[in-house]
Structure formats: C-alpha cells, structure tokens
C-alpha cells in the first residue's frame, strides 16, 4: 500500500511499520522467533495520483480540493458531453463545499462518465493533526481503516506476522498476499477470529474452545482474523 503526504512535514518517506497494538498482544500470546508488523510505503505529494490513500493536514486537504476544483472548472469550460457535464457539476458542488470526491456518493455510472480523469481526492484522504504526525506509525492503523484496508495474522513458529489486504478480500485472495501458490492451490482456510483468540488466551486455547472455523475460498476476511491456509503445493 502506498500513502502520500500532503501538507505534512517531519515524517520520513519510505517504508513504515503499522504499529497496531493488536499485533503486540498476539505476539505475547503465541511464541514465535520474531514479530513482523504490516508495512506501508510513504511517499510525497508528487505521487498522490498513484497512491492508494492520502494523509493530509487541514491546509493540505484544502489544497488538494482546490487542485481538483481547478481541473473540474477547466474541463467544464471545454464543453464536455452532456453526461460528463452533469457529473462534473455534481463534483464541483461538492468541492466548493470543501468535500472530497471520494465522499460525493457517485454511482458506478457517474464514475464511468468521468473515468478518463484522474482526480486526487477521488481516493481516501485521512486528516492528520499535529499529534497524529508526531506518532505517525501509531496513527497508521487508523489511516488504513479509514482507507478501506484491514490485516490478517499468521502466528507461531518462525514468525508472528500481520498481512495487509483490502476490505472485502476473500480467503483465497488473502492467501495470495503471502504467496501466489496459496491462491492457486487453495484448499481451505482455518480461521480464528481475533476476539475469540484474545478471549481464549491464545491460539491453542481457542482451538480447545472450538473457536476454529473451516472456511472456503469465498469467505470474506475480517480484520485481524488468525488464519492458517491449507493448499496444494
């Protein structure tokens, strides 16, 4: 996942760990050789159009809105098609109200009408205050949640690890986040919900309490599910 910064100073660019306290708690309950947080790539505002989400200061968010508004006004002046014009006018009204395009409630048909254009605020924009920036890696779990991302866990043995996926990802697709062979050869996913894992006091205890579920490839992953994939190698 790539996150662009807008109006944010003091945060180094590059790879950042997502320091979710749930990972710390899981690591205390299951012995492993190492703990690995999910991670994201943080880039500058110049890469905002190719980022998956944007973290912005209040002033930075406004600047992004103004850039999209300028583009919309330019496009409207060039006599777009009737269908495109209707959508652009709707977007313009939202931007003038200092709302981002991602919150405009555009239908699939409306999105298609303006699909040729790359709007900056059509992607999630998460507002960051000074306190958030000061503890940026601890702020990242909120950024991911508001941007439509979750994590799942694999635990025990060589590594306790959090893996980043989009909300709505199926079990088979989640396996592919680890290795394409798991996606291709998927048989089943053995799932323990995070709440059951914590309540039982560990993975083995949750299994003894019959909290492990067998799910098929179409199962939609939930945030911080513990999973063990079975697949044909």
Protein backbone atom coordinates (compact mmCIF):
# COMPACT_ATOMS: atom_id res chain seq x y z
CA UNK A 1 0.00 0.00 0.00
CA UNK A 2 1.26 3.47 -0.87
CA UNK A 3 0.32 6.52 1.20
CA UNK A 4 1.04 10.06 0.00
CA UNK A 5 1.53 13.00 2.36
CA UNK A 6 0.01 16.44 1.76
CA UNK A 7 0.94 19.38 3.94
CA UNK A 8 2.73 17.02 6.34
CA UNK A 9 6.27 17.78 7.47
CA UNK A 10 8.63 15.76 9.62
CA UNK A 11 7.54 12.28 8.51
CA UNK A 12 10.35 10.43 6.70
CA UNK A 13 9.47 8.92 3.34
CA UNK A 14 9.94 5.22 2.72
CA UNK A 15 8.72 2.05 4.43
CA UNK A 16 6.84 2.43 7.72
CA UNK A 17 5.67 -0.23 10.17
CA UNK A 18 1.99 -0.23 11.09
CA UNK A 19 2.35 -0.44 14.87
CA UNK A 20 -1.04 -1.90 15.68
CA UNK A 21 -1.27 -2.82 19.39
CA UNK A 22 -3.25 -5.92 18.43
CA UNK A 23 -0.08 -7.32 16.87
CA UNK A 24 1.76 -6.73 20.12
CA UNK A 25 -0.96 -8.55 22.06
CA UNK A 26 -0.92 -11.50 19.66
CA UNK A 27 2.85 -11.73 19.96
CA UNK A 28 2.55 -12.03 23.74
CA UNK A 29 0.13 -14.95 23.42
CA UNK A 30 1.88 -17.01 20.73
CA UNK A 31 5.58 -17.81 20.81
CA UNK A 32 7.50 -17.14 17.61
CA UNK A 33 11.04 -16.28 16.57
CA UNK A 34 10.11 -12.76 15.51
CA UNK A 35 7.27 -10.26 15.21
CA UNK A 36 6.55 -8.55 11.89
CA UNK A 37 4.11 -5.67 11.59
CA UNK A 38 2.27 -4.89 8.37
CA UNK A 39 4.04 -2.13 6.48
CA UNK A 40 3.24 0.64 4.01
CA UNK A 41 5.21 2.87 1.66
CA UNK A 42 5.02 6.58 2.47
CA UNK A 43 5.64 8.96 -0.45
CA UNK A 44 5.50 12.68 -1.14
CA UNK A 45 2.60 14.69 -2.51
CA UNK A 46 4.08 14.47 -6.01
CA UNK A 47 2.99 10.80 -6.07
CA UNK A 48 -0.54 11.45 -4.78
CA UNK A 49 -2.21 10.39 -8.03
CA UNK A 50 -0.65 6.91 -7.86
CA UNK A 51 -1.08 6.45 -4.10
CA UNK A 52 -3.78 4.29 -2.53
CA UNK A 53 -4.60 6.91 0.09
CA UNK A 54 -3.51 10.37 1.22
CA UNK A 55 -2.74 11.67 4.69
CA UNK A 56 -3.20 15.43 4.81
CA UNK A 57 -3.05 18.32 7.22
CA UNK A 58 -6.13 20.58 7.24
CA UNK A 59 -4.35 23.01 4.91
CA UNK A 60 -3.05 20.16 2.75
CA UNK A 61 -6.55 18.71 2.36
CA UNK A 62 -7.87 22.09 1.25
CA UNK A 63 -5.05 22.42 -1.27
CA UNK A 64 -5.93 19.04 -2.80
CA UNK A 65 -9.60 20.07 -3.07
CA UNK A 66 -8.60 23.30 -4.81
CA UNK A 67 -6.46 21.40 -7.32
CA UNK A 68 -9.37 19.11 -8.21
CA UNK A 69 -11.72 22.11 -8.39
CA UNK A 70 -9.39 23.90 -10.79
CA UNK A 71 -9.29 20.82 -13.01
CA UNK A 72 -13.09 20.46 -12.98
CA UNK A 73 -13.61 24.12 -13.89
CA UNK A 74 -11.11 23.78 -16.75
CA UNK A 75 -12.86 20.68 -18.04
CA UNK A 76 -16.31 22.29 -17.83
CA UNK A 77 -15.04 25.21 -19.93
CA UNK A 78 -14.13 22.76 -22.72
CA UNK A 79 -17.73 21.73 -23.47
CA UNK A 80 -17.79 18.11 -22.24
CA UNK A 81 -20.54 15.70 -23.22
CA UNK A 82 -23.89 16.15 -21.51
CA UNK A 83 -23.41 13.05 -19.33
CA UNK A 84 -19.94 14.15 -18.26
CA UNK A 85 -21.08 17.70 -17.59
CA UNK A 86 -23.81 16.56 -15.20
CA UNK A 87 -21.29 14.60 -13.13
CA UNK A 88 -18.69 17.36 -13.23
CA UNK A 89 -21.27 19.85 -11.96
CA UNK A 90 -22.09 17.49 -9.10
CA UNK A 91 -18.39 17.11 -8.28
CA UNK A 92 -17.88 20.88 -8.49
CA UNK A 93 -20.62 21.49 -5.93
CA UNK A 94 -19.04 19.01 -3.55
CA UNK A 95 -15.58 20.51 -3.92
CA UNK A 96 -16.92 24.02 -3.42
CA UNK A 97 -18.40 22.74 -0.16
CA UNK A 98 -14.87 21.59 0.80
CA UNK A 99 -15.76 17.90 0.48
CA UNK A 100 -13.54 15.39 -1.27
CA UNK A 101 -14.75 13.50 -4.36
CA UNK A 102 -14.49 10.14 -2.54
CA UNK A 103 -17.35 11.35 -0.33
CA UNK A 104 -19.53 12.58 -3.20
CA UNK A 105 -21.55 9.36 -3.40
CA UNK A 106 -21.05 8.93 -7.14
CA UNK A 107 -22.78 5.95 -8.74
CA UNK A 108 -20.85 3.47 -10.94
CA UNK A 109 -22.44 5.12 -13.97
CA UNK A 110 -21.34 8.57 -12.85
CA UNK A 111 -17.82 7.33 -12.17
CA UNK A 112 -17.73 5.86 -15.66
CA UNK A 113 -18.76 9.20 -17.17
CA UNK A 114 -15.66 10.86 -15.70
CA UNK A 115 -13.47 7.77 -15.75
CA UNK A 116 -10.92 9.33 -18.09
CA UNK A 117 -9.92 11.87 -15.44
CA UNK A 118 -7.57 11.32 -12.51
CA UNK A 119 -8.94 13.23 -9.53
CA UNK A 120 -6.68 13.43 -6.50
CA UNK A 121 -9.47 13.41 -3.92
CA UNK A 122 -11.30 10.50 -5.54
CA UNK A 123 -9.16 8.35 -3.23
CA UNK A 124 -9.35 8.33 0.58
CA UNK A 125 -7.97 11.43 2.29
CA UNK A 126 -7.32 11.00 6.01
CA UNK A 127 -6.97 14.16 8.08
CA UNK A 128 -3.95 14.29 10.41
CA UNK A 129 -3.46 16.70 13.27
CA UNK A 130 -0.08 17.55 14.81
CA UNK A 131 -0.42 14.85 17.48
CA UNK A 132 -1.05 12.22 14.77
CA UNK A 133 2.03 13.27 12.84
CA UNK A 134 4.18 13.14 15.99
CA UNK A 135 3.34 9.42 16.41
CA UNK A 136 2.85 8.64 12.75
CA UNK A 137 3.43 4.86 12.83
CA UNK A 138 0.91 4.53 15.67
CA UNK A 139 -1.52 6.66 13.65
CA UNK A 140 -1.26 4.34 10.63
CA UNK A 141 -3.84 1.74 11.84
CA UNK A 142 -6.49 4.49 11.71
CA UNK A 143 -5.28 5.58 8.28
CA UNK A 144 -5.63 2.02 6.97
CA UNK A 145 -9.08 1.55 8.47
CA UNK A 146 -10.41 4.81 7.02
CA UNK A 147 -8.83 3.94 3.65
CA UNK A 148 -10.56 0.56 3.36
CA UNK A 149 -7.76 -1.77 4.48
CA UNK A 150 -7.57 -4.49 7.13
CA UNK A 151 -4.94 -7.00 8.26
CA UNK A 152 -4.93 -10.72 8.99
CA UNK A 153 -2.47 -12.67 11.14
CA UNK A 154 -0.36 -15.76 10.75
CA UNK A 155 1.20 -16.87 14.03
CA UNK A 156 3.61 -19.35 15.53
CA UNK A 157 6.92 -20.93 14.56
CA UNK A 158 9.35 -18.62 12.80
CA UNK A 159 7.13 -15.55 12.73
CA UNK A 160 4.05 -13.78 14.05
CA UNK A 161 3.06 -11.53 11.16
CA UNK A 162 0.33 -9.11 10.11
CA UNK A 163 -0.58 -9.03 6.41
CA UNK A 164 -2.29 -6.06 4.80
CA UNK A 165 -5.30 -6.56 2.48
CA UNK A 166 -8.27 -4.54 1.25
CA UNK A 167 -11.63 -4.88 2.98
CA UNK A 168 -13.72 -7.39 1.07
CA UNK A 169 -10.77 -9.64 0.20
CA UNK A 170 -11.65 -13.36 0.08
CA UNK A 171 -9.70 -16.08 1.85
CA UNK A 172 -8.15 -17.30 -1.40
CA UNK A 173 -7.10 -13.77 -2.34
CA UNK A 174 -5.65 -13.24 1.13
CA UNK A 175 -3.55 -16.34 0.68
CA UNK A 176 -2.15 -14.73 -2.45
CA UNK A 177 -0.88 -11.85 -0.31
CA UNK A 178 1.54 -14.36 1.21
CA UNK A 179 2.38 -16.31 -1.94
CA UNK A 180 0.70 -16.88 -5.30
CA UNK A 181 0.94 -20.66 -4.76
CA UNK A 182 -1.50 -20.40 -1.84
CA UNK A 183 -4.03 -18.61 -4.03
CA UNK A 184 -3.64 -21.07 -6.89
CA UNK A 185 -3.69 -24.21 -4.74
CA UNK A 186 -6.14 -23.03 -2.10
CA UNK A 187 -7.99 -25.81 -0.27
CA UNK A 188 -9.35 -24.15 2.86
CA UNK A 189 -8.65 -21.51 5.48
CA UNK A 190 -8.61 -22.33 9.18
CA UNK A 191 -9.87 -19.17 10.88
CA UNK A 192 -9.96 -17.96 14.47
CA UNK A 193 -11.45 -14.51 14.97
CA UNK A 194 -9.23 -12.08 16.84
CA UNK A 195 -11.80 -11.59 19.61
CA UNK A 196 -12.02 -15.38 20.18
CA UNK A 197 -8.22 -15.62 20.15
CA UNK A 198 -7.86 -12.94 22.83
CA UNK A 199 -10.75 -14.23 24.95
CA UNK A 200 -9.30 -17.77 24.94
CA UNK A 201 -5.79 -16.54 25.77
CA UNK A 202 -4.02 -17.92 22.71
CA UNK A 203 -4.28 -19.98 19.54
CA UNK A 204 -4.15 -23.42 21.20
CA UNK A 205 -6.66 -22.37 23.82
CA UNK A 206 -9.03 -21.06 21.13
CA UNK A 207 -8.80 -24.37 19.29
CA UNK A 208 -9.57 -26.27 22.50
CA UNK A 209 -12.58 -24.00 22.97
CA UNK A 210 -13.72 -25.00 19.44
CA UNK A 211 -13.37 -21.47 18.09
CA UNK A 212 -11.51 -22.55 14.95
CA UNK A 213 -13.66 -22.44 11.81
CA UNK A 214 -13.08 -24.04 8.42
CA UNK A 215 -13.80 -21.55 5.64
CA UNK A 216 -13.85 -21.88 1.85
CA UNK A 217 -12.12 -19.68 -0.71
CA UNK A 218 -15.10 -17.30 -0.93
CA UNK A 219 -15.00 -16.41 2.78
CA UNK A 220 -14.57 -12.64 3.22
CA UNK A 221 -11.70 -11.95 5.58
CA UNK A 222 -12.39 -9.95 8.74
CA UNK A 223 -10.00 -7.56 10.41
CA UNK A 224 -7.25 -9.36 12.34
CA UNK A 225 -8.51 -12.87 11.64
CA UNK A 226 -5.92 -15.51 12.57
CA UNK A 227 -5.57 -17.84 9.62
CA UNK A 228 -3.77 -20.98 8.61
CA UNK A 229 -4.01 -21.76 4.90
CA UNK A 230 -4.20 -25.27 3.54
CA UNK A 231 -3.22 -25.55 -0.12
CA UNK A 232 -1.86 -27.91 -2.76
CA UNK A 233 1.84 -27.30 -3.30
